[in-house]
Amino acid sequence: MRRKMFSCVLALFLIASSFTLAAQAGSKPVTLTFWAGSAFYNAEEAKKPQSDWAITKIIQDFEAQNPGVKVDMTPIEVSAETIAKFKAAAIAKNGPDVIELWTGSYLFPLKDILLPLNSYIPAADRKDISGWDAVTYNFQPNGSILAYPIGNNYAGLVYNKAIVKSAGMDWDKNPPKTTEDFRAALKKIKAATGLVPFGFDASKARIMHYATIFWWVEESGYERLVADSNGTASFADDKGFINFLAYMQSLYGDGLTNVDAATSVDYAAKFSNGQYAVTVGGVNNAKAFEAALGADKFGYLPLPSMSANPKVKASIIGGPGNCLAIGNYTKNRDWAVKFVSFLCSKPAFIRLTKSVTTFPLRNDVTLDELGWGGDPFRQKIFALSKNATFWIDNSIPDYVYNEMTKFFANIVSGKLSPQDFAKQMDQLVKDHQ
């Protein structure tokens, strides 16, 4: 009787085991295609074999934990061209299962080709990951969640502490609080050192993108930015817009910037070589600047305030500018969500962040766990990030921001007045309606 019972139990066990193994492996092997951008590899990693990248090893871990599932990763540069390519592939239903995209106003127009994730996201992910508003359609509460937020970068103004000190100032203890304080400080630096006080590349508008555009939203507020961009208000009578551009133009006119600001493409090298006192920077290039200057000479300057009555109060710009989305045509929805969740898990996040040097997007990750606990720069950024201004380019239509980028150098160098450019922007919006 016992032998018969044992035989039955064994048979049932073998049958159950076979079902379990079949379920693990699946009736067919699963291959997920993944287009990965700068949130998953950087310029330094790109110099190495792809097999040595942190993201490659993370993917291998996922595959090992999920037999029968393979991930085919293609490195991309997230750009307008890549997004257009993705849209074409999605329409043909042969695009990637998972793709890195930009958040906010870049993501929302893709709503019809993306999988809404509201019912797929595990409760733990909703709790432990921050930045969901940046990937929720039109920033609306309870709207469709179109992606997982990633790529949490912060930026603003960085400076050479030794140069500032040689001009008799200590910005760690007493930073310039207003834009006019900042102007006066730049004049001190120029008089004391003869160096370029404020160097940047206006030709690519990095200084605007990563720092000074903050002064527009500070004075005008996000609602006004959106209203200007959809034609319900006017750029021409937006004081915040005019004032921020006029201020940048005036710094150039006062000789407080590099004379080649309109054409320069090497601001990072010149700052690293000690030729500029202040430039644009943040988490993504801090490691390179620290290596060049020395950690004791590299500092972050909280953004000075331009407005006496700011609608937005912050000292840094940033947030989750990138995201992971899933095409709504994928035949492997559950696996795609599981893969994205794995990439955003705490262990994977810590491993990846140490390589790519973005900033904690998970609520349960500390600076100590990233090895940054004794880093004054990152401690400062971490504290300021609790009250950051979200990326402006992710908040307004891309054609509006692209026009600003295109003409920013002409405005800074005085070839185009802020008032005339504001009228140009109003006409641009009108033409798009």
Protein backbone atom coordinates (compact mmCIF):
# COMPACT_ATOMS: atom_id res chain seq x y z
CA MET A 1 0.00 0.00 0.00
CA ARG A 2 2.80 2.38 0.93
CA ARG A 3 4.65 1.40 -2.26
CA LYS A 4 1.57 2.12 -4.36
CA MET A 5 0.98 5.40 -2.54
CA PHE A 6 4.64 6.35 -3.03
CA SER A 7 4.39 5.50 -6.72
CA CYS A 8 1.32 7.70 -7.09
CA VAL A 9 2.92 10.57 -5.22
CA LEU A 10 6.08 10.24 -7.32
CA ALA A 11 4.06 10.21 -10.51
CA LEU A 12 2.16 13.30 -9.46
CA PHE A 13 5.43 14.99 -8.48
CA LEU A 14 7.00 14.23 -11.87
CA ILE A 15 3.93 15.48 -13.70
CA ALA A 16 3.85 18.68 -11.63
CA SER A 17 7.59 19.14 -12.13
CA SER A 18 7.25 18.78 -15.87
CA PHE A 19 4.52 21.42 -15.90
CA THR A 20 6.69 23.72 -13.75
CA LEU A 21 9.72 23.34 -16.04
CA ALA A 22 7.54 23.87 -19.09
CA ALA A 23 6.11 27.00 -17.52
CA GLN A 24 9.59 28.25 -16.70
CA ALA A 25 10.96 27.65 -20.15
CA GLY A 26 7.70 28.45 -21.89
CA SER A 27 6.31 26.60 -24.86
CA LYS A 28 8.50 28.83 -27.03
CA PRO A 29 11.68 30.75 -26.24
CA VAL A 30 11.00 34.44 -25.63
CA THR A 31 13.22 37.14 -27.11
CA LEU A 32 12.75 40.72 -25.98
CA THR A 33 14.22 43.50 -28.11
CA PHE A 34 15.55 46.45 -26.14
CA TRP A 35 16.73 49.81 -27.47
CA ALA A 36 18.94 51.24 -24.70
CA GLY A 37 20.08 54.87 -24.53
CA SER A 38 22.28 57.03 -22.32
CA ALA A 39 20.56 56.01 -19.08
CA PHE A 40 22.20 52.59 -19.52
CA TYR A 41 25.64 53.37 -20.89
CA ASN A 42 27.87 56.42 -21.17
CA ALA A 43 30.77 57.62 -23.31
CA GLU A 44 33.34 55.91 -21.10
CA GLU A 45 31.59 52.54 -21.28
CA ALA A 46 31.11 52.93 -25.03
CA LYS A 47 34.91 52.70 -25.37
CA LYS A 48 34.82 49.18 -23.89
CA PRO A 49 33.45 45.96 -25.41
CA GLN A 50 29.68 45.82 -24.92
CA SER A 51 30.15 42.59 -22.98
CA ASP A 52 31.85 44.62 -20.23
CA TRP A 53 29.04 47.15 -19.80
CA ALA A 54 27.11 47.15 -16.54
CA ILE A 55 23.78 46.91 -18.38
CA THR A 56 25.00 43.83 -20.27
CA LYS A 57 25.76 42.06 -17.00
CA ILE A 58 22.40 43.11 -15.55
CA ILE A 59 20.65 41.65 -18.60
CA GLN A 60 22.62 38.41 -18.16
CA ASP A 61 21.37 38.23 -14.57
CA PHE A 62 17.78 38.65 -15.79
CA GLU A 63 18.23 35.89 -18.37
CA ALA A 64 19.77 33.56 -15.77
CA GLN A 65 16.80 34.09 -13.46
CA ASN A 66 14.32 33.55 -16.30
CA PRO A 67 15.35 30.51 -18.37
CA GLY A 68 14.02 30.59 -21.89
CA VAL A 69 13.98 34.40 -22.04
CA LYS A 70 16.64 36.30 -24.00
CA VAL A 71 17.13 40.05 -24.35
CA ASP A 72 18.51 41.48 -27.57
CA MET A 73 19.90 44.93 -26.69
CA THR A 74 20.66 47.61 -29.27
CA PRO A 75 22.50 50.76 -28.03
CA ILE A 76 20.87 53.95 -29.33
CA GLU A 77 21.11 57.67 -28.91
CA VAL A 78 17.72 59.00 -27.90
CA SER A 79 17.01 61.75 -30.42
CA ALA A 80 14.29 63.10 -32.67
CA GLU A 81 15.59 60.81 -35.42
CA THR A 82 15.45 57.76 -33.18
CA ILE A 83 11.92 58.60 -32.06
CA ALA A 84 10.84 58.96 -35.70
CA LYS A 85 12.41 55.57 -36.46
CA PHE A 86 10.59 54.05 -33.50
CA LYS A 87 7.24 55.49 -34.62
CA ALA A 88 7.67 54.01 -38.10
CA ALA A 89 8.63 50.61 -36.67
CA ALA A 90 5.71 50.71 -34.23
CA ILE A 91 3.22 51.39 -37.01
CA ALA A 92 4.61 48.36 -38.84
CA LYS A 93 4.41 46.47 -35.51
CA ASN A 94 8.06 45.44 -35.66
CA GLY A 95 9.58 47.95 -33.25
CA PRO A 96 11.41 47.07 -30.04
CA ASP A 97 9.53 45.55 -27.12
CA VAL A 98 11.24 48.00 -24.74
CA ILE A 99 12.74 51.38 -25.62
CA GLU A 100 14.35 54.25 -23.76
CA LEU A 101 12.65 57.56 -24.50
CA TRP A 102 12.47 61.07 -23.07
CA THR A 103 9.75 61.89 -20.57
CA GLY A 104 7.05 64.57 -20.48
CA SER A 105 6.18 66.43 -23.66
CA TYR A 106 8.44 64.14 -25.73
CA LEU A 107 6.66 61.03 -24.48
CA PHE A 108 3.02 62.08 -24.53
CA PRO A 109 2.61 62.31 -28.35
CA LEU A 110 3.59 58.62 -28.53
CA LYS A 111 0.63 57.56 -26.40
CA ASP A 112 -1.11 55.64 -29.17
CA ILE A 113 1.83 53.29 -29.77
CA LEU A 114 2.76 52.64 -26.14
CA LEU A 115 1.39 50.13 -23.67
CA PRO A 116 -0.43 51.83 -20.74
CA LEU A 117 1.21 50.38 -17.65
CA ASN A 118 -1.27 51.28 -14.88
CA SER A 119 -2.51 47.69 -14.44
CA TYR A 120 0.92 46.10 -14.96
CA ILE A 121 3.16 47.95 -12.50
CA PRO A 122 3.78 46.02 -9.26
CA ALA A 123 2.63 47.86 -6.15
CA ALA A 124 6.17 47.79 -4.74
CA ASP A 125 7.48 49.64 -7.83
CA ARG A 126 4.83 52.33 -7.51
CA LYS A 127 5.88 52.81 -3.89
CA ASP A 128 9.66 52.61 -4.14
CA ILE A 129 10.25 54.44 -7.43
CA SER A 130 9.71 58.20 -7.71
CA GLY A 131 9.01 60.37 -10.75
CA TRP A 132 5.80 58.75 -12.01
CA ASP A 133 4.25 62.14 -12.78
CA ALA A 134 6.86 62.69 -15.53
CA VAL A 135 5.55 59.65 -17.43
CA THR A 136 1.83 60.06 -16.72
CA TYR A 137 -0.04 61.36 -19.76
CA ASN A 138 -0.16 65.17 -19.80
CA PHE A 139 0.98 65.13 -16.15
CA GLN A 140 -2.66 64.43 -15.20
CA PRO A 141 -3.38 62.71 -11.87
CA ASN A 142 -4.70 59.19 -12.50
CA GLY A 143 -3.80 59.45 -16.20
CA SER A 144 -2.28 56.68 -18.30
CA ILE A 145 1.22 55.74 -17.15
CA LEU A 146 3.19 55.36 -20.36
CA ALA A 147 6.59 54.27 -19.03
CA TYR A 148 8.87 53.68 -16.06
CA PRO A 149 10.83 56.84 -15.07
CA ILE A 150 14.64 56.47 -15.22
CA GLY A 151 17.71 58.62 -15.87
CA ASN A 152 17.40 60.92 -12.88
CA ASN A 153 19.94 63.66 -13.63
CA TYR A 154 20.37 67.08 -12.02
CA ALA A 155 22.31 70.06 -13.29
CA GLY A 156 23.00 73.75 -12.92
CA LEU A 157 26.10 75.89 -12.43
CA VAL A 158 29.43 74.38 -11.36
CA TYR A 159 32.58 76.29 -10.46
CA ASN A 160 36.29 76.12 -9.76
CA LYS A 161 36.67 76.77 -6.03
CA ALA A 162 40.32 77.82 -6.36
CA ILE A 163 39.52 80.56 -8.88
CA VAL A 164 36.60 81.85 -6.82
CA LYS A 165 38.76 81.85 -3.70
CA SER A 166 41.49 83.82 -5.48
CA ALA A 167 38.88 86.54 -6.08
CA GLY A 168 38.24 86.71 -2.33
CA MET A 169 35.01 84.69 -2.21
CA ASP A 170 33.85 81.44 -0.62
CA TRP A 171 30.72 80.22 -2.36
CA ASP A 172 30.36 77.21 -0.08
CA LYS A 173 29.65 79.58 2.79
CA ASN A 174 28.31 82.63 0.96
CA PRO A 175 27.11 81.94 -2.58
CA PRO A 176 25.55 84.70 -4.72
CA LYS A 177 21.82 84.64 -3.93
CA THR A 178 20.48 86.73 -6.85
CA THR A 179 21.42 87.10 -10.49
CA GLU A 180 22.75 90.60 -9.78
CA ASP A 181 24.89 89.17 -6.97
CA PHE A 182 26.10 86.64 -9.53
CA ARG A 183 26.97 89.41 -12.02
CA ALA A 184 28.94 91.28 -9.34
CA ALA A 185 30.80 88.08 -8.40
CA LEU A 186 31.73 87.45 -12.04
CA LYS A 187 33.14 90.97 -12.27
CA LYS A 188 35.27 90.30 -9.19
CA ILE A 189 36.64 87.13 -10.74
CA LYS A 190 37.54 88.87 -13.98
CA ALA A 191 39.23 91.78 -12.18
CA ALA A 192 41.19 89.54 -9.83
CA THR A 193 42.26 86.76 -12.22
CA GLY A 194 41.88 87.93 -15.81
CA LEU A 195 40.21 84.56 -16.53
CA VAL A 196 36.86 84.04 -18.19
CA PRO A 197 34.34 84.24 -15.34
CA PHE A 198 31.49 82.40 -17.06
CA GLY A 199 32.27 80.08 -19.98
CA PHE A 200 29.81 78.03 -22.01
CA ASP A 201 28.78 76.81 -25.45
CA ALA A 202 25.75 78.83 -26.53
CA SER A 203 25.96 77.15 -29.94
CA LYS A 204 24.49 73.96 -28.48
CA ALA A 205 22.50 75.78 -25.79
CA ARG A 206 23.71 73.47 -23.00
CA ILE A 207 23.92 76.42 -20.63
CA MET A 208 20.26 77.18 -21.31
CA HIS A 209 19.12 73.58 -21.17
CA TYR A 210 20.92 72.62 -17.98
CA ALA A 211 20.82 75.87 -16.04
CA THR A 212 19.73 79.35 -17.07
CA ILE A 213 16.32 78.49 -18.52
CA PHE A 214 15.38 78.03 -14.87
CA TRP A 215 15.03 81.82 -14.64
CA TRP A 216 12.15 81.73 -17.11
CA VAL A 217 10.08 79.21 -15.16
CA GLU A 218 11.07 80.82 -11.85
CA GLU A 219 9.42 84.11 -12.79
CA SER A 220 6.65 82.94 -15.13
CA GLY A 221 5.67 79.54 -13.74
CA TYR A 222 4.92 76.31 -15.62
CA GLU A 223 1.36 77.27 -16.52
CA ARG A 224 2.59 80.34 -18.37
CA LEU A 225 5.20 78.30 -20.24
CA VAL A 226 2.48 75.96 -21.45
CA ALA A 227 0.16 78.84 -22.30
CA ASP A 228 2.85 80.59 -24.37
CA SER A 229 3.51 77.32 -26.16
CA ASN A 230 -0.12 76.59 -27.06
CA GLY A 231 -0.98 80.14 -28.12
CA THR A 232 -3.34 81.03 -25.27
CA ALA A 233 -0.73 83.53 -24.04
CA SER A 234 2.09 85.42 -25.74
CA PHE A 235 5.86 85.11 -25.49
CA ALA A 236 6.07 88.80 -26.36
CA ASP A 237 4.50 89.89 -23.08
CA ASP A 238 6.02 87.15 -20.92
CA LYS A 239 8.40 89.08 -18.67
CA GLY A 240 10.11 85.95 -17.40
CA PHE A 241 10.95 84.84 -20.94
CA ILE A 242 12.25 88.28 -21.96
CA ASN A 243 14.18 88.82 -18.73
CA PHE A 244 16.05 85.53 -18.77
CA LEU A 245 17.23 86.05 -22.36
CA ALA A 246 18.10 89.71 -21.74
CA TYR A 247 20.17 88.74 -18.70
CA MET A 248 22.23 86.23 -20.66
CA GLN A 249 22.74 88.79 -23.42
CA SER A 250 23.85 91.38 -20.88
CA LEU A 251 26.49 89.07 -19.36
CA TYR A 252 27.97 88.61 -22.82
CA GLY A 253 27.80 92.37 -23.43
CA ASP A 254 29.58 93.03 -20.14
CA GLY A 255 32.46 90.79 -21.17
CA LEU A 256 31.75 88.28 -18.42
CA THR A 257 31.48 85.26 -20.74
CA ASN A 258 33.82 83.73 -23.30
CA VAL A 259 33.94 85.92 -26.41
CA ASP A 260 33.36 82.87 -28.61
CA ALA A 261 30.26 81.77 -26.68
CA ALA A 262 28.17 81.75 -29.87
CA THR A 263 30.46 79.29 -31.66
CA SER A 264 32.36 77.46 -28.90
CA VAL A 265 32.08 73.69 -28.64
CA ASP A 266 34.76 72.97 -26.01
CA TYR A 267 33.47 74.48 -22.76
CA ALA A 268 34.07 71.27 -20.78
CA ALA A 269 37.74 71.07 -21.78
CA LYS A 270 38.36 74.74 -20.96
CA PHE A 271 36.65 74.48 -17.58
CA SER A 272 38.64 71.33 -16.82
CA ASN A 273 41.85 73.15 -17.76
CA GLY A 274 41.13 76.00 -15.36
CA GLN A 275 40.31 78.58 -18.05
CA TYR A 276 36.72 79.18 -16.88
CA ALA A 277 35.60 79.92 -13.33
CA VAL A 278 31.96 78.92 -13.81
CA THR A 279 30.18 76.75 -16.37
CA VAL A 280 27.25 74.36 -16.72
CA GLY A 281 27.41 70.90 -15.20
CA GLY A 282 25.79 68.31 -13.04
CA VAL A 283 25.71 64.70 -11.99
CA ASN A 284 26.38 63.35 -15.48
CA ASN A 285 29.75 65.08 -15.95
CA ALA A 286 30.78 65.64 -12.33
CA LYS A 287 33.14 62.67 -12.30
CA ALA A 288 35.14 64.04 -15.25
CA PHE A 289 35.32 67.54 -13.77
CA GLU A 290 36.38 66.18 -10.39
CA ALA A 291 39.10 64.10 -12.00
CA ALA A 292 40.43 67.15 -13.87
CA LEU A 293 40.24 69.76 -11.09
CA GLY A 294 40.41 67.63 -7.97
CA ALA A 295 37.39 67.05 -5.76
CA ASP A 296 38.48 69.83 -3.39
CA LYS A 297 38.34 72.42 -6.20
CA PHE A 298 35.02 71.40 -7.76
CA GLY A 299 31.76 72.89 -6.47
CA TYR A 300 28.09 73.30 -7.30
CA LEU A 301 26.49 76.76 -7.18
CA PRO A 302 22.77 76.73 -6.32
CA LEU A 303 21.00 78.68 -9.06
CA PRO A 304 20.75 82.35 -8.06
CA SER A 305 17.27 83.85 -8.07
CA MET A 306 16.25 86.38 -10.73
CA SER A 307 12.71 87.08 -9.58
CA ALA A 308 11.75 89.02 -6.45
CA ASN A 309 8.44 87.11 -6.46
CA PRO A 310 9.21 83.67 -7.87
CA LYS A 311 6.38 81.41 -8.93
CA VAL A 312 8.74 78.43 -8.77
CA LYS A 313 11.34 78.17 -6.00
CA ALA A 314 14.30 75.86 -6.53
CA SER A 315 18.09 75.88 -6.75
CA ILE A 316 18.62 73.10 -9.26
CA ILE A 317 17.07 71.78 -12.45
CA GLY A 318 16.51 68.14 -13.33
CA GLY A 319 14.52 65.01 -12.55
CA PRO A 320 13.68 61.89 -14.54
CA GLY A 321 14.33 63.06 -18.09
CA ASN A 322 14.36 59.55 -19.56
CA CYS A 323 12.07 56.56 -19.29
CA LEU A 324 11.51 52.96 -20.34
CA ALA A 325 8.41 52.38 -22.47
CA ILE A 326 6.87 49.24 -23.97
CA GLY A 327 5.34 49.13 -27.44
CA ASN A 328 1.64 48.26 -27.39
CA TYR A 329 2.22 45.81 -30.24
CA THR A 330 4.54 43.55 -28.22
CA LYS A 331 3.56 39.89 -28.06
CA ASN A 332 5.30 39.53 -24.70
CA ARG A 333 3.67 42.14 -22.49
CA ASP A 334 4.14 40.39 -19.17
CA TRP A 335 7.78 39.55 -19.88
CA ALA A 336 8.48 43.08 -21.09
CA VAL A 337 7.04 44.55 -17.88
CA LYS A 338 8.97 42.04 -15.79
CA PHE A 339 12.18 43.00 -17.59
CA VAL A 340 11.62 46.74 -17.11
CA SER A 341 10.78 46.19 -13.45
CA PHE A 342 14.00 44.17 -13.09
CA LEU A 343 16.08 46.97 -14.65
CA CYS A 344 14.55 49.40 -12.14
CA SER A 345 14.94 47.09 -9.13
CA LYS A 346 17.15 48.20 -6.25
CA PRO A 347 20.07 45.81 -6.93
CA ALA A 348 20.12 46.58 -10.66
CA PHE A 349 19.69 50.28 -10.02
CA ILE A 350 22.64 50.46 -7.60
CA ARG A 351 24.86 48.50 -9.97
CA LEU A 352 23.92 50.64 -12.94
CA THR A 353 24.09 53.99 -11.14
CA LYS A 354 27.65 53.33 -10.01
CA SER A 355 28.53 52.98 -13.69
CA VAL A 356 26.38 55.59 -15.41
CA THR A 357 26.35 58.06 -12.45
CA THR A 358 22.74 59.17 -12.64
CA PHE A 359 21.05 60.00 -9.36
CA PRO A 360 18.84 57.89 -7.08
CA LEU A 361 15.33 57.57 -8.47
CA ARG A 362 14.34 54.95 -5.95
CA ASN A 363 13.12 56.04 -2.54
CA ASP A 364 14.90 53.14 -0.84
CA VAL A 365 18.45 53.85 -2.11
CA THR A 366 20.89 55.90 -0.04
CA LEU A 367 24.06 57.70 -1.04
CA ASP A 368 26.02 55.33 1.19
CA GLU A 369 24.73 52.35 -0.81
CA LEU A 370 26.05 54.03 -3.95
CA GLY A 371 29.40 54.75 -2.35
CA TRP A 372 28.71 58.50 -2.41
CA GLY A 373 28.19 59.05 1.32
CA GLY A 374 31.47 60.93 1.74
CA ASP A 375 31.10 62.98 -1.44
CA PRO A 376 30.30 66.67 -0.64
CA PHE A 377 29.22 67.44 -4.22
CA ARG A 378 26.70 64.61 -4.43
CA GLN A 379 25.50 65.23 -0.89
CA LYS A 380 24.71 68.81 -1.91
CA ILE A 381 22.96 67.75 -5.13
CA PHE A 382 21.00 65.08 -3.25
CA ALA A 383 19.72 67.66 -0.75
CA LEU A 384 18.81 70.20 -3.45
CA SER A 385 17.13 67.54 -5.61
CA LYS A 386 14.32 67.28 -3.07
CA ASN A 387 13.03 70.60 -4.46
CA ALA A 388 14.11 70.66 -8.10
CA THR A 389 12.67 72.39 -11.15
CA PHE A 390 11.66 69.75 -13.71
CA TRP A 391 13.33 69.88 -17.12
CA ILE A 392 11.79 72.68 -19.17
CA ASP A 393 12.31 70.95 -22.51
CA ASN A 394 10.28 67.99 -21.20
CA SER A 395 7.47 70.38 -20.22
CA ILE A 396 6.78 72.21 -23.50
CA PRO A 397 6.37 71.05 -27.14
CA ASP A 398 9.62 69.99 -28.79
CA TYR A 399 9.25 72.38 -31.73
CA VAL A 400 9.08 75.30 -29.29
CA TYR A 401 12.17 74.21 -27.43
CA ASN A 402 14.04 73.40 -30.63
CA GLU A 403 13.47 76.96 -31.86
CA MET A 404 14.91 78.32 -28.63
CA THR A 405 17.95 76.06 -28.97
CA LYS A 406 18.45 77.07 -32.60
CA PHE A 407 18.53 80.82 -31.94
CA PHE A 408 19.97 80.97 -28.42
CA ALA A 409 23.51 81.76 -29.62
CA ASN A 410 22.26 84.69 -31.70
CA ILE A 411 20.42 86.09 -28.70
CA VAL A 412 23.39 85.75 -26.34
CA SER A 413 25.76 87.39 -28.80
CA GLY A 414 23.38 90.32 -29.41
CA LYS A 415 22.49 89.50 -33.01
CA LEU A 416 18.84 89.00 -32.07
CA SER A 417 16.97 90.93 -29.39
CA PRO A 418 14.85 89.02 -26.82
CA GLN A 419 11.83 91.10 -27.87
CA ASP A 420 12.19 90.22 -31.56
CA PHE A 421 12.75 86.59 -30.74
CA ALA A 422 9.62 86.54 -28.57
CA LYS A 423 7.61 87.79 -31.56
CA GLN A 424 9.25 85.10 -33.68
CA MET A 425 8.17 82.50 -31.15
CA ASP A 426 4.58 83.73 -31.19
CA GLN A 427 4.53 83.44 -34.97
CA LEU A 428 5.98 79.93 -34.75
CA VAL A 429 3.20 78.83 -32.39
CA LYS A 430 0.58 80.43 -34.62
CA ASP A 431 1.96 78.59 -37.66
CA HIS A 432 1.67 75.26 -35.83
CA GLN A 433 -1.98 75.72 -34.89
